[in-house]
C-alpha atoms as a PDB file:
ATOM      1  CA  MET A   1       0.000   0.000   0.000  1.00  0.00           C
ATOM      2  CA  GLU A   2       1.143   3.553  -0.684  1.00  0.00           C
ATOM      3  CA  GLU A   3       2.628   5.614   2.106  1.00  0.00           C
ATOM      4  CA  LEU A   4       0.110   7.725   4.024  1.00  0.00           C
ATOM      5  CA  ARG A   5       0.579  11.380   3.125  1.00  0.00           C
ATOM      6  CA  ALA A   6      -1.224  13.454   5.787  1.00  0.00           C
ATOM      7  CA  GLY A   7       0.587  16.739   6.322  1.00  0.00           C
ATOM      8  CA  GLN A   8       2.483  16.655   3.051  1.00  0.00           C
ATOM      9  CA  ILE A   9       2.160  19.160   0.211  1.00  0.00           C
ATOM     10  CA  ALA A  10       0.516  17.807  -2.942  1.00  0.00           C
ATOM     11  CA  VAL A  11       1.181  19.547  -6.256  1.00  0.00           C
ATOM     12  CA  LEU A  12      -1.542  18.636  -8.758  1.00  0.00           C
ATOM     13  CA  PHE A  13      -0.556  19.138 -12.384  1.00  0.00           C
ATOM     14  CA  VAL A  14      -3.448  18.695 -14.832  1.00  0.00           C
ATOM     15  CA  SER A  15      -2.481  19.000 -18.486  1.00  0.00           C
ATOM     16  CA  GLN A  16      -3.550  18.449 -22.059  1.00  0.00           C
ATOM     17  CA  ARG A  17      -0.810  17.217 -24.395  1.00  0.00           C
ATOM     18  CA  THR A  18      -0.550  18.545 -27.942  1.00  0.00           C
ATOM     19  CA  GLY A  19       0.673  15.227 -29.308  1.00  0.00           C
ATOM     20  CA  ASP A  20       3.772  16.918 -30.745  1.00  0.00           C
ATOM     21  CA  ASP A  21       7.165  15.279 -30.267  1.00  0.00           C
ATOM     22  CA  PRO A  22       6.070  12.245 -28.215  1.00  0.00           C
ATOM     23  CA  ASP A  23       9.626  10.900 -27.934  1.00  0.00           C
ATOM     24  CA  GLY A  24      10.973  14.209 -26.645  1.00  0.00           C
ATOM     25  CA  TYR A  25       8.105  14.439 -24.180  1.00  0.00           C
ATOM     26  CA  ALA A  26       8.688  10.909 -22.875  1.00  0.00           C
ATOM     27  CA  GLU A  27      12.398  11.597 -22.428  1.00  0.00           C
ATOM     28  CA  ALA A  28      11.756  14.888 -20.610  1.00  0.00           C
ATOM     29  CA  ALA A  29       9.069  13.356 -18.381  1.00  0.00           C
ATOM     30  CA  ALA A  30      11.386  10.524 -17.346  1.00  0.00           C
ATOM     31  CA  ALA A  31      14.220  12.973 -16.677  1.00  0.00           C
ATOM     32  CA  MET A  32      11.951  15.205 -14.557  1.00  0.00           C
ATOM     33  CA  ALA A  33      10.660  12.238 -12.528  1.00  0.00           C
ATOM     34  CA  ALA A  34      14.234  11.126 -11.841  1.00  0.00           C
ATOM     35  CA  LEU A  35      15.375  14.649 -10.966  1.00  0.00           C
ATOM     36  CA  ALA A  36      12.388  15.282  -8.673  1.00  0.00           C
ATOM     37  CA  ALA A  37      13.131  12.054  -6.792  1.00  0.00           C
ATOM     38  CA  GLN A  38      16.612  13.401  -5.965  1.00  0.00           C
ATOM     39  CA  GLN A  39      15.301  16.638  -4.413  1.00  0.00           C
ATOM     40  CA  PRO A  40      15.243  17.193  -0.648  1.00  0.00           C
ATOM     41  CA  GLY A  41      11.714  16.761   0.665  1.00  0.00           C
ATOM     42  CA  TYR A  42      10.467  14.674  -2.267  1.00  0.00           C
ATOM     43  CA  ALA A  43       7.861  12.157  -1.097  1.00  0.00           C
ATOM     44  CA  GLY A  44       6.561  10.527  -4.290  1.00  0.00           C
ATOM     45  CA  ILE A  45       4.642  10.899  -7.506  1.00  0.00           C
ATOM     46  CA  GLU A  46       1.530   9.439  -9.146  1.00  0.00           C
ATOM     47  CA  ALA A  47       0.566  10.057 -12.764  1.00  0.00           C
ATOM     48  CA  VAL A  48      -2.045   9.015 -15.316  1.00  0.00           C
ATOM     49  CA  ARG A  49      -2.774  10.084 -18.895  1.00  0.00           C
ATOM     50  CA  ASP A  50      -5.681   9.056 -21.100  1.00  0.00           C
ATOM     51  CA  ALA A  51      -5.562   8.197 -24.804  1.00  0.00           C
ATOM     52  CA  GLY A  52      -6.660  11.743 -25.686  1.00  0.00           C
ATOM     53  CA  GLY A  53      -3.670  13.289 -23.911  1.00  0.00           C
ATOM     54  CA  LEU A  54      -5.365  14.540 -20.731  1.00  0.00           C
ATOM     55  CA  GLY A  55      -3.108  13.835 -17.763  1.00  0.00           C
ATOM     56  CA  ILE A  56      -2.957  14.261 -14.015  1.00  0.00           C
ATOM     57  CA  THR A  57       0.322  14.144 -12.132  1.00  0.00           C
ATOM     58  CA  ILE A  58       0.487  14.565  -8.367  1.00  0.00           C
ATOM     59  CA  SER A  59       3.850  15.097  -6.744  1.00  0.00           C
ATOM     60  CA  TYR A  60       4.172  14.967  -2.973  1.00  0.00           C
ATOM     61  CA  TRP A  61       6.566  17.039  -0.881  1.00  0.00           C
ATOM     62  CA  ARG A  62       7.496  17.094   2.783  1.00  0.00           C
ATOM     63  CA  ASP A  63       6.648  20.800   3.104  1.00  0.00           C
ATOM     64  CA  GLU A  64       5.972  24.018   1.212  1.00  0.00           C
ATOM     65  CA  ALA A  65       9.666  24.913   1.037  1.00  0.00           C
ATOM     66  CA  ALA A  66      10.477  21.637  -0.739  1.00  0.00           C
ATOM     67  CA  ALA A  67       7.623  22.124  -3.224  1.00  0.00           C
ATOM     68  CA  LEU A  68       8.757  25.680  -3.968  1.00  0.00           C
ATOM     69  CA  ALA A  69      12.365  24.562  -4.386  1.00  0.00           C
ATOM     70  CA  TRP A  70      11.210  22.039  -7.006  1.00  0.00           C
ATOM     71  CA  ARG A  71       9.122  24.681  -8.782  1.00  0.00           C
ATOM     72  CA  ASP A  72      12.185  26.933  -8.929  1.00  0.00           C
ATOM     73  CA  HIS A  73      14.764  24.273  -9.857  1.00  0.00           C
ATOM     74  CA  PRO A  74      16.578  25.546 -12.994  1.00  0.00           C
ATOM     75  CA  GLU A  75      16.294  22.295 -14.980  1.00  0.00           C
ATOM     76  CA  HIS A  76      12.611  21.963 -14.067  1.00  0.00           C
ATOM     77  CA  ALA A  77      12.076  25.560 -15.230  1.00  0.00           C
ATOM     78  CA  ARG A  78      13.840  24.812 -18.528  1.00  0.00           C
ATOM     79  CA  ILE A  79      11.657  21.760 -19.198  1.00  0.00           C
ATOM     80  CA  ARG A  80       8.546  23.702 -18.161  1.00  0.00           C
ATOM     81  CA  ASP A  81       9.377  26.288 -20.845  1.00  0.00           C
ATOM     82  CA  LEU A  82       9.780  23.507 -23.435  1.00  0.00           C
ATOM     83  CA  GLY A  83       6.428  22.086 -22.343  1.00  0.00           C
ATOM     84  CA  ARG A  84       4.723  25.420 -22.930  1.00  0.00           C
ATOM     85  CA  ALA A  85       6.350  25.769 -26.341  1.00  0.00           C
ATOM     86  CA  ARG A  86       5.922  22.218 -27.574  1.00  0.00           C
ATOM     87  CA  TRP A  87       4.113  19.592 -25.502  1.00  0.00           C
ATOM     88  CA  TYR A  88       1.091  21.174 -23.799  1.00  0.00           C
ATOM     89  CA  ALA A  89      -2.059  22.777 -25.179  1.00  0.00           C
ATOM     90  CA  TRP A  90      -2.727  23.916 -21.601  1.00  0.00           C
ATOM     91  CA  TYR A  91      -2.013  22.995 -18.025  1.00  0.00           C
ATOM     92  CA  ARG A  92      -3.117  23.941 -14.534  1.00  0.00           C
ATOM     93  CA  THR A  93      -1.188  23.517 -11.298  1.00  0.00           C
ATOM     94  CA  GLU A  94      -2.808  23.445  -7.878  1.00  0.00           C
ATOM     95  CA  VAL A  95      -0.972  23.145  -4.577  1.00  0.00           C
ATOM     96  CA  THR A  96      -2.599  21.882  -1.400  1.00  0.00           C
ATOM     97  CA  ARG A  97      -1.804  20.327   1.951  1.00  0.00           C
ATOM     98  CA  VAL A  98      -3.002  16.760   2.477  1.00  0.00           C
ATOM     99  CA  GLU A  99      -5.341  16.909   5.480  1.00  0.00           C
ATOM    100  CA  ARG A 100      -6.170  13.193   5.691  1.00  0.00           C
ATOM    101  CA  SER A 101      -4.737  10.130   4.060  1.00  0.00           C
ATOM    102  CA  TYR A 102      -5.958   6.551   4.135  1.00  0.00           C
ATOM    103  CA  GLY A 103      -6.046   3.568   1.842  1.00  0.00           C
ATOM    104  CA  TRP A 104      -7.100   0.005   1.292  1.00  0.00           C
ATOM    105  CA  THR A 105      -5.420  -2.920  -0.437  1.00  0.00           C
ATOM    106  CA  ARG A 106      -7.043  -6.176  -1.565  1.00  0.00           C
ATOM    107  CA  ARG A 107      -5.265  -9.207  -0.143  1.00  0.00           C
END
């Protein structure tokens, strides 16, 4: 079962892909996931994307400072600019604190 996340910061990234340069996008997404995992305060990531290109990625951070440091990371900023120019029709980012966290797993 996933780690319980109460008290963490969740950054919700909802996006619509353009479909342009799928190989470049896949490479950048993998690089960003690997880089995020190396950042202080990183607590995990979950992501889904449908066949039409609509995606939701949630990254989890120990605290607001860690989430802001990731937002401001120079390589993340560079890839974000490429995303705006090439890979996304639109996106929305929302940041929230996880108030409760619970789960269930089938045995």
